[in-house]
Structure formats: structure tokens, C-alpha cells
Amino acid sequence: MIKINLVREGRAVRGTGVAPVAAVASVSTPGAATNVNNIIVLAFVVLGALAAGGYYFWYKRMLADRQAVVEQKAQEAQKLEAIINEVQDYQRRKDSLQQRIDLINQLKQNQKGPVRIMDQISRDLPDLVWLDSMDINGGRIALNGRGLNPNAIALFVENVKKDPYFEEPSLGTMQQISAAPLVYSFDMNFAFTYAPKTAVPPPAAPGTTTAAPGAAPAGQ
């Protein structure tokens, strides 16, 4: 029969105090490690939240800046478009004014032509000859007139022939239409030019030479 002294063992346990401390230590160690892990995880979560918030505010600020730039560019484009429209409108008005100026100059030129032609014909017209009608069409002049004798009409033809603004005249018909007084009718046509013809010197005869001004005759 075995007897166990529980009182002494219990006292021994209470007296030493080693076993309870070891038990407490073995029980408290896993709890401390868990708290450290939780703190680390919580720190990473907070850092991630801060990073996400910072990125969000940075992206929002960048987006606002880009929108501001886009709005500024749109305003500048509207201003440029208004300027372009003004320039185009100015160009259209300039072209229209230039067309009017060209038309006025053309009308003046057309008016100047008949005036010059009539002035030249009046200079070439001799005494005893007068005109009944004159038609200007396509750069040519057609005349109908009368004269008191054929010589006066022939002189008129010769004057037109020598005029630098007129081409070679063509005399049509000349006939007597009245005996008392003696009157002849005629018609003539010729071309005209606004630029006077330049006189061309006649060609030199074969075998002759043109001496320079001041040169001594040959044989001296």
C-alpha cells in the first residue's frame, strides 16, 4: 500500500513558487506576439490609406490643372477664331473694293479711248471735210462723211495714214451726191491702237554706208 503526502507536495509547490511562474510564462508569450503582428498590420493599413489618400489628392489636383489648361486653350482658340474671322472679313471687303476699283479704272479707260480717238480724228480732219457717223467696234473704226472735193477727202485719208494711233486706212466708196453745191460722200475704216506707233527709219540703199556724225567725206 502506497501513501502520498499531498500536503508536503502542495507546500513544496507553494514554497518554491517555480512551477506557477513557468506556467504563467508559457501562457503569456503567444499573446504578446499576436499583439505585435496586429500593430504591424495596422501600421501598414494606415500607411496604405495615407498613400492612397495622397495619390487621390495629387491626381485630383493634376486633373484640375489639366482642365484649367484645357479651358485656357479653348478660350485662346475662341479668340484666335474671332481674329481669323475678322481677317477673312477684311480680306473679302478688300477684294470687293479692289474689284470696284478695277471696274472704275476699266470704265475710265473705255471712256478715255473714244475721247482720244475723236481727238485724233478731229486733228486729222482737214477743211472742207466733215463726218456724218463714226462707229467703234472691236478695235476698228468705220467712218461715213462728206467733202466738197476729192482732194480734201484724199488729204484726210493721208492724214489718217500718217497718224501714229491709226493703222493703214481703207477707203471704200467715194461718189458725188450733189452738184450745187458740189458734195462727195465717202466711207472709210481702219484699226486704232492706244499706244502710238514708233517711226521706223527706212532701210539703207544697197552699197551705201552710213557715215558717223562729224566724219569727213571719203576722199578728203
Protein backbone atom coordinates (compact mmCIF):
# COMPACT_ATOMS: atom_id res chain seq x y z
CA MET A 1 0.00 0.00 0.00
CA ILE A 2 1.42 3.38 -1.21
CA LYS A 3 0.85 6.64 0.63
CA ILE A 4 1.35 10.08 -0.94
CA ASN A 5 1.83 13.13 1.21
CA LEU A 6 -0.15 15.70 -0.73
CA VAL A 7 0.25 18.33 1.93
CA ARG A 8 4.02 18.40 1.64
CA GLU A 9 3.97 18.36 -2.10
CA GLY A 10 1.47 21.14 -2.05
CA ARG A 11 3.58 23.07 0.38
CA ALA A 12 6.63 22.37 -1.59
CA VAL A 13 4.85 23.73 -4.61
CA ARG A 14 3.65 26.75 -2.76
CA GLY A 15 7.01 27.28 -1.10
CA THR A 16 9.13 27.20 -4.21
CA GLY A 17 6.84 29.17 -6.48
CA VAL A 18 8.69 27.95 -9.57
CA ALA A 19 6.02 25.94 -11.26
CA PRO A 20 3.35 28.66 -11.31
CA VAL A 21 5.76 31.20 -12.76
CA ALA A 22 6.76 28.83 -15.53
CA ALA A 23 3.11 28.17 -16.27
CA VAL A 24 2.31 31.88 -16.44
CA ALA A 25 5.28 32.48 -18.70
CA SER A 26 4.31 29.69 -21.02
CA VAL A 27 0.76 31.02 -21.25
CA SER A 28 1.57 34.78 -21.76
CA THR A 29 4.17 34.53 -24.62
CA PRO A 30 1.80 33.72 -27.57
CA GLY A 31 -0.47 36.69 -26.70
CA ALA A 32 2.38 39.26 -26.93
CA ALA A 33 3.46 38.06 -30.37
CA THR A 34 -0.08 38.37 -31.67
CA ASN A 35 -0.32 41.97 -30.48
CA VAL A 36 2.91 42.90 -32.29
CA ASN A 37 1.65 41.39 -35.53
CA ASN A 38 -1.60 43.27 -35.18
CA ILE A 39 0.26 46.54 -34.66
CA ILE A 40 2.41 45.93 -37.74
CA VAL A 41 -0.62 45.11 -39.88
CA LEU A 42 -2.43 48.17 -38.57
CA ALA A 43 0.59 50.35 -39.38
CA PHE A 44 0.69 49.04 -42.95
CA VAL A 45 -3.02 49.67 -43.31
CA VAL A 46 -2.62 53.25 -42.06
CA LEU A 47 0.35 53.85 -44.36
CA GLY A 48 -1.58 52.42 -47.30
CA ALA A 49 -4.56 54.60 -46.50
CA LEU A 50 -2.32 57.67 -46.28
CA ALA A 51 -0.61 56.78 -49.57
CA ALA A 52 -3.96 56.21 -51.29
CA GLY A 53 -5.31 59.49 -49.94
CA GLY A 54 -2.20 61.36 -51.04
CA TYR A 55 -2.37 59.83 -54.52
CA TYR A 56 -6.06 60.68 -54.74
CA PHE A 57 -5.49 64.33 -53.84
CA TRP A 58 -2.45 64.53 -56.18
CA TYR A 59 -4.42 63.03 -59.07
CA LYS A 60 -7.35 65.33 -58.37
CA ARG A 61 -5.04 68.35 -58.33
CA MET A 62 -3.34 67.25 -61.55
CA LEU A 63 -6.72 66.68 -63.22
CA ALA A 64 -7.89 70.14 -62.11
CA ASP A 65 -4.70 71.72 -63.51
CA ARG A 66 -5.16 69.94 -66.83
CA GLN A 67 -8.79 71.02 -67.01
CA ALA A 68 -7.70 74.60 -66.31
CA VAL A 69 -5.14 74.35 -69.14
CA VAL A 70 -7.79 72.94 -71.49
CA GLU A 71 -10.19 75.76 -70.64
CA GLN A 72 -7.43 78.33 -71.20
CA LYS A 73 -6.56 76.81 -74.57
CA ALA A 74 -10.24 76.78 -75.52
CA GLN A 75 -10.54 80.49 -74.66
CA GLU A 76 -7.40 81.26 -76.68
CA ALA A 77 -8.80 79.24 -79.59
CA GLN A 78 -12.04 81.23 -79.46
CA LYS A 79 -10.08 84.49 -79.50
CA LEU A 80 -7.97 83.28 -82.43
CA GLU A 81 -11.08 82.15 -84.28
CA ALA A 82 -12.62 85.60 -83.82
CA ILE A 83 -9.41 87.21 -85.14
CA ILE A 84 -9.36 84.83 -88.12
CA ASN A 85 -12.97 85.68 -88.92
CA GLU A 86 -12.15 89.39 -88.77
CA VAL A 87 -9.17 88.90 -91.09
CA GLN A 88 -11.27 86.89 -93.55
CA ASP A 89 -14.00 89.54 -93.47
CA TYR A 90 -11.37 92.25 -94.05
CA GLN A 91 -9.94 90.25 -96.98
CA ARG A 92 -13.42 89.87 -98.52
CA ARG A 93 -14.06 93.60 -98.20
CA LYS A 94 -10.63 94.33 -99.66
CA ASP A 95 -11.27 92.04 -102.64
CA SER A 96 -14.68 93.63 -103.21
CA LEU A 97 -13.17 97.13 -103.06
CA GLN A 98 -10.38 96.09 -105.43
CA GLN A 99 -12.94 94.77 -107.90
CA ARG A 100 -14.79 98.07 -107.76
CA ILE A 101 -11.55 99.99 -108.29
CA ASP A 102 -10.65 97.78 -111.27
CA LEU A 103 -14.12 98.29 -112.74
CA ILE A 104 -13.88 102.08 -112.32
CA ASN A 105 -10.42 102.10 -113.93
CA GLN A 106 -11.72 99.99 -116.79
CA LEU A 107 -14.64 102.35 -117.31
CA LYS A 108 -12.27 105.30 -117.27
CA GLN A 109 -10.05 103.55 -119.82
CA ASN A 110 -13.05 102.79 -122.01
CA GLN A 111 -14.14 106.41 -121.79
CA LYS A 112 -10.62 107.64 -122.47
CA GLY A 113 -10.32 105.54 -125.65
CA PRO A 114 -13.19 107.11 -127.63
CA VAL A 115 -12.20 110.57 -126.41
CA ARG A 116 -8.65 110.08 -127.66
CA ILE A 117 -9.87 108.62 -130.94
CA MET A 118 -12.22 111.53 -131.55
CA ASP A 119 -9.46 113.97 -130.66
CA GLN A 120 -7.03 112.34 -133.12
CA ILE A 121 -9.64 112.21 -135.90
CA SER A 122 -10.53 115.86 -135.35
CA ARG A 123 -6.82 116.72 -135.77
CA ASP A 124 -6.56 114.68 -138.95
CA LEU A 125 -9.78 116.07 -140.42
CA PRO A 126 -8.92 118.80 -142.97
CA ASP A 127 -11.03 121.72 -144.08
CA LEU A 128 -13.88 121.07 -146.50
CA VAL A 129 -14.43 117.56 -144.98
CA TRP A 130 -16.88 116.59 -142.24
CA LEU A 131 -18.16 113.35 -140.74
CA ASP A 132 -21.74 112.09 -140.61
CA SER A 133 -21.19 108.99 -138.43
CA MET A 134 -18.44 107.05 -136.66
CA ASP A 135 -18.67 103.51 -135.30
CA ILE A 136 -16.05 101.95 -132.98
CA ASN A 137 -16.20 98.17 -132.66
CA GLY A 138 -13.56 95.54 -131.89
CA GLY A 139 -10.59 97.89 -132.28
CA ARG A 140 -11.73 99.21 -135.65
CA ILE A 141 -13.31 102.49 -136.72
CA ALA A 142 -15.84 102.89 -139.51
CA LEU A 143 -16.47 106.42 -140.82
CA ASN A 144 -19.06 107.95 -143.11
CA GLY A 145 -18.56 111.52 -144.21
CA ARG A 146 -18.75 114.12 -146.92
CA GLY A 147 -16.37 116.53 -148.59
CA LEU A 148 -16.53 119.41 -151.05
CA ASN A 149 -13.90 117.92 -153.36
CA PRO A 150 -11.99 114.64 -153.80
CA ASN A 151 -8.65 116.26 -152.95
CA ALA A 152 -9.85 117.18 -149.45
CA ILE A 153 -11.06 113.62 -148.88
CA ALA A 154 -7.73 112.23 -150.15
CA LEU A 155 -5.90 114.56 -147.74
CA PHE A 156 -7.97 113.20 -144.88
CA VAL A 157 -7.06 109.63 -145.87
CA GLU A 158 -3.38 110.62 -145.98
CA ASN A 159 -3.55 112.26 -142.53
CA VAL A 160 -5.09 109.10 -141.03
CA LYS A 161 -2.40 107.01 -142.67
CA LYS A 162 0.35 109.12 -141.04
CA ASP A 163 -1.33 109.23 -137.63
CA PRO A 164 0.68 107.07 -135.12
CA TYR A 165 -2.52 105.90 -133.40
CA PHE A 166 -4.19 104.55 -136.57
CA GLU A 167 -3.38 101.70 -138.92
CA GLU A 168 -3.50 101.74 -142.72
CA PRO A 169 -6.94 103.14 -143.70
CA SER A 170 -9.14 101.51 -146.29
CA LEU A 171 -11.25 103.88 -148.40
CA GLY A 172 -14.49 102.33 -149.53
CA THR A 173 -16.68 104.26 -151.91
CA MET A 174 -16.49 107.93 -152.84
CA GLN A 175 -19.20 109.38 -155.04
CA GLN A 176 -20.78 112.68 -155.90
CA ILE A 177 -24.12 113.21 -154.18
CA SER A 178 -24.78 116.87 -155.04
CA ALA A 179 -23.90 119.21 -157.89
CA ALA A 180 -24.93 122.55 -156.43
CA PRO A 181 -23.05 122.78 -154.22
CA LEU A 182 -20.63 120.09 -155.26
CA VAL A 183 -20.53 117.43 -152.48
CA TYR A 184 -18.95 114.00 -152.35
CA SER A 185 -19.74 111.21 -149.87
CA PHE A 186 -17.24 108.59 -148.72
CA ASP A 187 -16.79 105.75 -146.22
CA MET A 188 -13.57 104.54 -144.68
CA ASN A 189 -12.46 102.06 -141.99
CA PHE A 190 -9.19 101.44 -140.16
CA ALA A 191 -7.84 100.00 -136.93
CA PHE A 192 -6.61 102.01 -133.96
CA THR A 193 -4.24 101.48 -131.05
CA TYR A 194 -3.89 103.20 -127.67
CA ALA A 195 -0.10 103.10 -127.89
CA PRO A 196 1.42 105.25 -130.67
CA LYS A 197 3.42 103.52 -133.35
CA THR A 198 7.18 104.18 -133.36
CA ALA A 199 8.64 105.51 -136.55
CA VAL A 200 10.98 103.01 -138.23
CA PRO A 201 13.79 104.54 -140.37
CA PRO A 202 13.83 103.37 -143.99
CA PRO A 203 16.45 100.72 -144.84
CA ALA A 204 19.71 101.95 -146.40
CA ALA A 205 20.21 101.52 -150.12
CA PRO A 206 22.48 98.61 -151.19
CA GLY A 207 26.15 99.59 -151.46
CA THR A 208 25.85 102.68 -149.26
CA THR A 209 27.31 103.19 -145.81
CA THR A 210 26.13 105.46 -143.08
CA ALA A 211 28.77 107.95 -142.01
CA ALA A 212 29.12 108.78 -138.37
CA PRO A 213 28.19 112.32 -137.35
CA GLY A 214 31.12 114.67 -137.85
CA ALA A 215 33.07 112.23 -140.04
CA ALA A 216 34.84 113.64 -143.08
CA PRO A 217 33.60 112.60 -146.52
CA ALA A 218 35.59 109.90 -148.30
CA GLY A 219 38.44 111.08 -150.50
CA GLN A 220 39.36 114.08 -148.31
